[in-house]
Amino acid sequence: MEQEFYQGLAQRVRAIAPKADPFTRRRLLDLAKRYDAKGKPASRSGASERPLPGPRTTPPPSIFSGPGEA
């Protein structure tokens, strides 16, 4: 069901692309590629998802201690 939805979106976007200016056409075709990737069976392990960012670290307290300008 979800596959058909994304495949349909990709087809619609590709149908609009030839009528658009070159910049928008490129963006629409990239969007269609992303919809195609989402519409494929979930056999791969989320390769298209962005990786999670690393944990945030706080600077050591020594940076903030002592006299200084605010």
N, C-alpha and C. Protein backbone atom coordinates (compact mmCIF):
# COMPACT_ATOMS: atom_id res chain seq x y z
N MET A 1 0.83 -1.19 0.00
CA MET A 1 0.00 0.00 0.00
C MET A 1 0.88 1.26 0.00
N GLU A 2 1.82 1.31 0.93
CA GLU A 2 2.71 2.48 1.00
C GLU A 2 3.60 2.55 -0.23
N GLN A 3 4.00 1.39 -0.74
CA GLN A 3 4.83 1.35 -1.95
C GLN A 3 4.10 1.99 -3.12
N GLU A 4 2.84 1.63 -3.29
CA GLU A 4 2.03 2.19 -4.38
C GLU A 4 1.88 3.70 -4.23
N PHE A 5 1.73 4.16 -3.00
CA PHE A 5 1.59 5.59 -2.74
C PHE A 5 2.82 6.35 -3.23
N TYR A 6 4.00 5.90 -2.81
CA TYR A 6 5.23 6.60 -3.19
C TYR A 6 5.53 6.46 -4.68
N GLN A 7 5.21 5.31 -5.26
CA GLN A 7 5.41 5.14 -6.70
C GLN A 7 4.49 6.09 -7.47
N GLY A 8 3.25 6.26 -6.99
CA GLY A 8 2.33 7.19 -7.61
C GLY A 8 2.82 8.63 -7.52
N LEU A 9 3.36 8.99 -6.36
CA LEU A 9 3.91 10.34 -6.21
C LEU A 9 5.08 10.56 -7.18
N ALA A 10 5.94 9.55 -7.29
CA ALA A 10 7.08 9.67 -8.20
C ALA A 10 6.60 9.87 -9.64
N GLN A 11 5.57 9.15 -10.04
CA GLN A 11 5.04 9.30 -11.40
C GLN A 11 4.48 10.70 -11.62
N ARG A 12 3.75 11.21 -10.62
CA ARG A 12 3.16 12.55 -10.75
C ARG A 12 4.24 13.62 -10.84
N VAL A 13 5.26 13.47 -10.01
CA VAL A 13 6.35 14.46 -10.01
C VAL A 13 7.08 14.42 -11.35
N ARG A 14 7.30 13.22 -11.89
CA ARG A 14 7.97 13.11 -13.19
C ARG A 14 7.11 13.70 -14.31
N ALA A 15 5.80 13.62 -14.17
CA ALA A 15 4.91 14.20 -15.19
C ALA A 15 4.96 15.72 -15.18
N ILE A 16 5.19 16.30 -14.01
CA ILE A 16 5.25 17.76 -13.88
C ILE A 16 6.61 18.30 -14.33
N ALA A 17 7.67 17.53 -14.13
CA ALA A 17 9.04 18.00 -14.35
C ALA A 17 9.30 18.59 -15.74
N PRO A 18 8.84 17.99 -16.84
CA PRO A 18 9.15 18.57 -18.16
C PRO A 18 8.59 19.98 -18.37
N LYS A 19 7.57 20.34 -17.62
CA LYS A 19 6.95 21.65 -17.79
C LYS A 19 7.63 22.73 -16.95
N ALA A 20 8.55 22.33 -16.09
CA ALA A 20 9.18 23.26 -15.15
C ALA A 20 10.47 23.85 -15.72
N ASP A 21 10.94 24.91 -15.09
CA ASP A 21 12.22 25.50 -15.49
C ASP A 21 13.35 24.53 -15.10
N PRO A 22 14.56 24.70 -15.64
CA PRO A 22 15.63 23.72 -15.40
C PRO A 22 15.96 23.48 -13.93
N PHE A 23 16.00 24.53 -13.13
CA PHE A 23 16.31 24.36 -11.71
C PHE A 23 15.24 23.53 -11.02
N THR A 24 13.99 23.88 -11.24
CA THR A 24 12.88 23.17 -10.61
C THR A 24 12.79 21.75 -11.15
N ARG A 25 13.05 21.57 -12.44
CA ARG A 25 13.01 20.23 -13.04
C ARG A 25 13.99 19.30 -12.34
N ARG A 26 15.22 19.80 -12.12
CA ARG A 26 16.23 19.00 -11.44
C ARG A 26 15.77 18.62 -10.03
N ARG A 27 15.20 19.58 -9.33
CA ARG A 27 14.72 19.30 -7.97
C ARG A 27 13.58 18.28 -7.99
N LEU A 28 12.67 18.41 -8.95
CA LEU A 28 11.55 17.48 -9.05
C LEU A 28 12.03 16.07 -9.36
N LEU A 29 13.01 15.95 -10.25
CA LEU A 29 13.52 14.62 -10.58
C LEU A 29 14.26 14.00 -9.40
N ASP A 30 14.96 14.81 -8.62
CA ASP A 30 15.59 14.30 -7.40
C ASP A 30 14.53 13.83 -6.41
N LEU A 31 13.46 14.59 -6.31
CA LEU A 31 12.36 14.21 -5.43
C LEU A 31 11.75 12.89 -5.88
N ALA A 32 11.58 12.72 -7.18
CA ALA A 32 11.02 11.47 -7.71
C ALA A 32 11.94 10.29 -7.37
N LYS A 33 13.24 10.49 -7.43
CA LYS A 33 14.18 9.42 -7.06
C LYS A 33 14.00 9.04 -5.60
N ARG A 34 13.81 10.04 -4.74
CA ARG A 34 13.61 9.75 -3.32
C ARG A 34 12.31 9.00 -3.09
N TYR A 35 11.26 9.39 -3.82
CA TYR A 35 9.99 8.67 -3.70
C TYR A 35 10.14 7.24 -4.20
N ASP A 36 10.90 7.03 -5.27
CA ASP A 36 11.13 5.67 -5.76
C ASP A 36 11.85 4.84 -4.71
N ALA A 37 12.83 5.44 -4.04
CA ALA A 37 13.57 4.71 -3.01
C ALA A 37 12.66 4.33 -1.85
N LYS A 38 11.75 5.23 -1.48
CA LYS A 38 10.81 4.92 -0.40
C LYS A 38 9.79 3.88 -0.83
N GLY A 39 9.48 3.84 -2.11
CA GLY A 39 8.46 2.94 -2.62
C GLY A 39 8.95 1.52 -2.85
N LYS A 40 10.25 1.31 -2.75
CA LYS A 40 10.79 -0.03 -2.95
C LYS A 40 10.55 -0.87 -1.70
N PRO A 41 10.52 -2.18 -1.85
CA PRO A 41 10.33 -3.05 -0.69
C PRO A 41 11.40 -2.80 0.37
N ALA A 42 11.04 -2.99 1.60
CA ALA A 42 11.93 -2.69 2.74
C ALA A 42 12.91 -3.82 2.99
N SER A 43 13.50 -4.38 1.94
CA SER A 43 14.44 -5.47 2.10
C SER A 43 15.80 -4.98 2.60
N ARG A 44 16.14 -3.74 2.29
CA ARG A 44 17.42 -3.23 2.78
C ARG A 44 17.24 -2.63 4.17
N SER A 45 18.33 -2.45 4.85
CA SER A 45 18.26 -2.05 6.26
C SER A 45 18.39 -0.55 6.45
N GLY A 46 17.47 0.23 5.89
CA GLY A 46 17.45 1.66 6.13
C GLY A 46 18.66 2.40 5.61
N ALA A 47 19.21 1.99 4.50
CA ALA A 47 20.42 2.62 3.98
C ALA A 47 20.18 4.06 3.55
N SER A 48 18.94 4.42 3.24
CA SER A 48 18.67 5.78 2.78
C SER A 48 18.45 6.76 3.94
N GLU A 49 18.33 6.25 5.15
CA GLU A 49 18.12 7.14 6.29
C GLU A 49 19.45 7.76 6.72
N ARG A 50 19.37 8.96 7.23
CA ARG A 50 20.56 9.63 7.72
C ARG A 50 21.02 8.97 9.01
N PRO A 51 22.33 8.85 9.22
CA PRO A 51 22.80 8.28 10.47
C PRO A 51 22.55 9.24 11.63
N LEU A 52 22.43 8.69 12.80
CA LEU A 52 22.23 9.52 13.98
C LEU A 52 23.50 10.30 14.29
N PRO A 53 23.37 11.53 14.76
CA PRO A 53 24.57 12.30 15.11
C PRO A 53 25.22 11.72 16.37
N GLY A 54 26.50 11.99 16.51
CA GLY A 54 27.22 11.52 17.68
C GLY A 54 26.74 12.23 18.94
N PRO A 55 27.06 11.69 20.10
CA PRO A 55 26.61 12.33 21.34
C PRO A 55 27.28 13.69 21.52
N ARG A 56 26.53 14.60 22.09
CA ARG A 56 27.08 15.94 22.35
C ARG A 56 28.00 15.87 23.56
N THR A 57 29.06 16.62 23.48
CA THR A 57 29.97 16.70 24.62
C THR A 57 30.02 18.14 25.08
N THR A 58 30.16 18.32 26.35
CA THR A 58 30.27 19.67 26.90
C THR A 58 31.74 19.98 27.13
N PRO A 59 32.15 21.22 26.95
CA PRO A 59 33.55 21.57 27.18
C PRO A 59 33.89 21.41 28.66
N PRO A 60 35.15 21.17 28.96
CA PRO A 60 35.54 21.03 30.37
C PRO A 60 35.28 22.32 31.14
N PRO A 61 34.98 22.20 32.43
CA PRO A 61 34.67 23.40 33.23
C PRO A 61 35.82 24.39 33.30
N SER A 62 37.05 23.97 33.08
CA SER A 62 38.19 24.88 33.17
C SER A 62 38.10 26.00 32.14
N ILE A 63 37.40 25.78 31.06
CA ILE A 63 37.25 26.82 30.05
C ILE A 63 36.43 27.99 30.60
N PHE A 64 35.47 27.69 31.44
CA PHE A 64 34.57 28.71 31.95
C PHE A 64 35.03 29.32 33.27
N SER A 65 36.00 28.74 33.92
CA SER A 65 36.42 29.27 35.22
C SER A 65 37.47 30.36 35.05
N GLY A 66 37.60 31.18 36.05
CA GLY A 66 38.60 32.23 36.03
C GLY A 66 38.04 33.54 35.54
N PRO A 67 38.82 34.62 35.72
CA PRO A 67 38.35 35.93 35.28
C PRO A 67 38.32 36.01 33.76
N GLY A 68 37.44 36.80 33.28
CA GLY A 68 37.35 36.95 31.84
C GLY A 68 36.30 37.98 31.48
N GLU A 69 36.24 38.28 30.23
CA GLU A 69 35.26 39.25 29.77
C GLU A 69 33.96 38.54 29.45
N ALA A 70 32.87 39.23 29.66
CA ALA A 70 31.57 38.64 29.37
C ALA A 70 31.06 39.10 28.04
